Amino acid sequence: MKNGKLTFDQTNGVGLITCSTCGHSERMLSFTHGTSHQLGFQCTACFQLVSVENGLEGPIPLCHCGGELHRDKPLKCPLCQSTEVTFESEYMT
């Protein structure tokens, strides 16, 4: 955790990110294995959670809004941008 805040490093597979501040909850992809693995990112501009196929290979694309995608900053609620979020894993590959 960075400063006690949840990051992608503390998540796995696919699960539910839930905000303690506003109550928003949505499914989030962190990482899936396989030939066409997927890697989860969060946009620095619109805070949407985005999955990128083969995200370990090559440059990371920009979000549809034009913002940069990252995995190294604390996760924020896509709705209210609070860092008071939790992750509950649903499945791993």
C-alpha atoms as a PDB file:
ATOM      1  CA  MET A   1       0.000   0.000   0.000  1.00  0.00           C
ATOM      2  CA  LYS A   2       1.146   3.515  -0.710  1.00  0.00           C
ATOM      3  CA  ASN A   3       0.507   5.727   2.311  1.00  0.00           C
ATOM      4  CA  GLY A   4      -2.137   3.229   3.451  1.00  0.00           C
ATOM      5  CA  LYS A   5      -4.010   3.509   0.138  1.00  0.00           C
ATOM      6  CA  LEU A   6      -4.935   0.618  -2.167  1.00  0.00           C
ATOM      7  CA  THR A   7      -2.858   0.185  -5.338  1.00  0.00           C
ATOM      8  CA  PHE A   8      -3.011  -2.349  -8.178  1.00  0.00           C
ATOM      9  CA  ASP A   9      -0.128  -4.198  -6.446  1.00  0.00           C
ATOM     10  CA  GLN A  10      -2.568  -5.274  -3.694  1.00  0.00           C
ATOM     11  CA  THR A  11      -5.181  -6.563  -6.139  1.00  0.00           C
ATOM     12  CA  ASN A  12      -5.378  -9.651  -8.347  1.00  0.00           C
ATOM     13  CA  GLY A  13      -7.501 -11.172 -11.076  1.00  0.00           C
ATOM     14  CA  VAL A  14     -10.953  -9.639 -11.303  1.00  0.00           C
ATOM     15  CA  GLY A  15     -12.905  -8.289  -8.372  1.00  0.00           C
ATOM     16  CA  LEU A  16     -15.077  -5.590  -6.920  1.00  0.00           C
ATOM     17  CA  ILE A  17     -13.741  -2.146  -6.018  1.00  0.00           C
ATOM     18  CA  THR A  18     -15.982  -0.405  -3.477  1.00  0.00           C
ATOM     19  CA  CYS A  19     -15.784   3.174  -2.234  1.00  0.00           C
ATOM     20  CA  SER A  20     -16.210   3.751   1.494  1.00  0.00           C
ATOM     21  CA  THR A  21     -16.981   7.440   0.875  1.00  0.00           C
ATOM     22  CA  CYS A  22     -19.830   7.363  -1.668  1.00  0.00           C
ATOM     23  CA  GLY A  23     -20.735   3.649  -1.758  1.00  0.00           C
ATOM     24  CA  HIS A  24     -20.002   3.240  -5.492  1.00  0.00           C
ATOM     25  CA  SER A  25     -19.022  -0.290  -6.485  1.00  0.00           C
ATOM     26  CA  GLU A  26     -17.919  -1.757  -9.802  1.00  0.00           C
ATOM     27  CA  ARG A  27     -16.083  -4.738 -11.225  1.00  0.00           C
ATOM     28  CA  MET A  28     -12.396  -4.124 -11.842  1.00  0.00           C
ATOM     29  CA  LEU A  29      -9.815  -6.122 -13.756  1.00  0.00           C
ATOM     30  CA  SER A  30      -6.357  -6.143 -12.218  1.00  0.00           C
ATOM     31  CA  PHE A  31      -4.583  -8.865 -14.204  1.00  0.00           C
ATOM     32  CA  THR A  32      -5.496 -12.023 -16.075  1.00  0.00           C
ATOM     33  CA  HIS A  33      -3.009 -14.569 -17.425  1.00  0.00           C
ATOM     34  CA  GLY A  34      -3.110 -16.254 -20.791  1.00  0.00           C
ATOM     35  CA  THR A  35      -2.054 -15.845 -24.380  1.00  0.00           C
ATOM     36  CA  SER A  36      -3.914 -12.547 -24.575  1.00  0.00           C
ATOM     37  CA  HIS A  37      -3.465 -11.453 -20.977  1.00  0.00           C
ATOM     38  CA  GLN A  38      -5.203  -8.307 -19.752  1.00  0.00           C
ATOM     39  CA  LEU A  39      -3.849  -5.681 -17.393  1.00  0.00           C
ATOM     40  CA  GLY A  40      -5.929  -3.111 -15.519  1.00  0.00           C
ATOM     41  CA  PHE A  41      -5.138   0.598 -15.352  1.00  0.00           C
ATOM     42  CA  GLN A  42      -6.785   3.766 -14.051  1.00  0.00           C
ATOM     43  CA  CYS A  43      -6.957   7.017 -16.002  1.00  0.00           C
ATOM     44  CA  THR A  44      -5.296  10.034 -14.365  1.00  0.00           C
ATOM     45  CA  ALA A  45      -7.877  12.393 -15.941  1.00  0.00           C
ATOM     46  CA  CYS A  46     -11.326  10.753 -15.790  1.00  0.00           C
ATOM     47  CA  PHE A  47     -10.487   8.038 -13.174  1.00  0.00           C
ATOM     48  CA  GLN A  48     -12.185   5.297 -15.190  1.00  0.00           C
ATOM     49  CA  LEU A  49     -10.849   1.762 -14.814  1.00  0.00           C
ATOM     50  CA  VAL A  50      -9.544   0.449 -18.133  1.00  0.00           C
ATOM     51  CA  SER A  51      -8.279  -2.986 -19.172  1.00  0.00           C
ATOM     52  CA  VAL A  52      -5.577  -3.275 -21.824  1.00  0.00           C
ATOM     53  CA  GLU A  53      -5.024  -6.496 -23.731  1.00  0.00           C
ATOM     54  CA  ASN A  54      -1.364  -7.550 -23.684  1.00  0.00           C
ATOM     55  CA  GLY A  55      -0.674  -4.566 -21.414  1.00  0.00           C
ATOM     56  CA  LEU A  56       2.786  -5.834 -20.474  1.00  0.00           C
ATOM     57  CA  GLU A  57       3.977  -5.537 -24.055  1.00  0.00           C
ATOM     58  CA  GLY A  58       4.631  -2.277 -25.849  1.00  0.00           C
ATOM     59  CA  PRO A  59       3.491   1.227 -25.008  1.00  0.00           C
ATOM     60  CA  ILE A  60       0.365   1.795 -22.939  1.00  0.00           C
ATOM     61  CA  PRO A  61      -2.339   3.583 -24.949  1.00  0.00           C
ATOM     62  CA  LEU A  62      -4.101   6.705 -23.731  1.00  0.00           C
ATOM     63  CA  CYS A  63      -7.579   6.528 -22.204  1.00  0.00           C
ATOM     64  CA  HIS A  64     -10.522   7.320 -24.511  1.00  0.00           C
ATOM     65  CA  CYS A  65     -10.615  10.785 -22.829  1.00  0.00           C
ATOM     66  CA  GLY A  66      -6.956  11.413 -23.680  1.00  0.00           C
ATOM     67  CA  GLY A  67      -5.670  10.911 -20.120  1.00  0.00           C
ATOM     68  CA  GLU A  68      -2.718   8.753 -19.183  1.00  0.00           C
ATOM     69  CA  LEU A  69      -3.293   5.269 -17.793  1.00  0.00           C
ATOM     70  CA  HIS A  70      -1.366   4.181 -14.702  1.00  0.00           C
ATOM     71  CA  ARG A  71      -0.967   1.289 -12.263  1.00  0.00           C
ATOM     72  CA  ASP A  72       1.447   2.828  -9.769  1.00  0.00           C
ATOM     73  CA  LYS A  73      -0.722   5.431  -8.010  1.00  0.00           C
ATOM     74  CA  PRO A  74      -3.328   4.797  -5.297  1.00  0.00           C
ATOM     75  CA  LEU A  75      -6.645   3.648  -6.759  1.00  0.00           C
ATOM     76  CA  LYS A  76      -9.458   6.189  -6.644  1.00  0.00           C
ATOM     77  CA  CYS A  77     -13.198   5.775  -6.816  1.00  0.00           C
ATOM     78  CA  PRO A  78     -14.196   6.338 -10.468  1.00  0.00           C
ATOM     79  CA  LEU A  79     -17.247   8.278  -9.250  1.00  0.00           C
ATOM     80  CA  CYS A  80     -16.068  10.594  -6.419  1.00  0.00           C
ATOM     81  CA  GLN A  81     -12.234  10.193  -6.677  1.00  0.00           C
ATOM     82  CA  SER A  82     -11.882   9.183  -3.016  1.00  0.00           C
ATOM     83  CA  THR A  83      -8.898   6.950  -2.184  1.00  0.00           C
ATOM     84  CA  GLU A  84     -10.977   5.222   0.512  1.00  0.00           C
ATOM     85  CA  VAL A  85     -11.585   2.118  -1.604  1.00  0.00           C
ATOM     86  CA  THR A  86     -11.419  -1.617  -0.971  1.00  0.00           C
ATOM     87  CA  PHE A  87     -10.995  -4.559  -3.344  1.00  0.00           C
ATOM     88  CA  GLU A  88     -12.666  -7.948  -3.045  1.00  0.00           C
ATOM     89  CA  SER A  89     -11.285 -10.573  -5.408  1.00  0.00           C
ATOM     90  CA  GLU A  90     -13.870 -12.591  -7.391  1.00  0.00           C
ATOM     91  CA  TYR A  91     -11.533 -14.806  -9.420  1.00  0.00           C
ATOM     92  CA  MET A  92      -7.921 -15.203 -10.539  1.00  0.00           C
ATOM     93  CA  THR A  93      -6.411 -16.854 -13.589  1.00  0.00           C
END
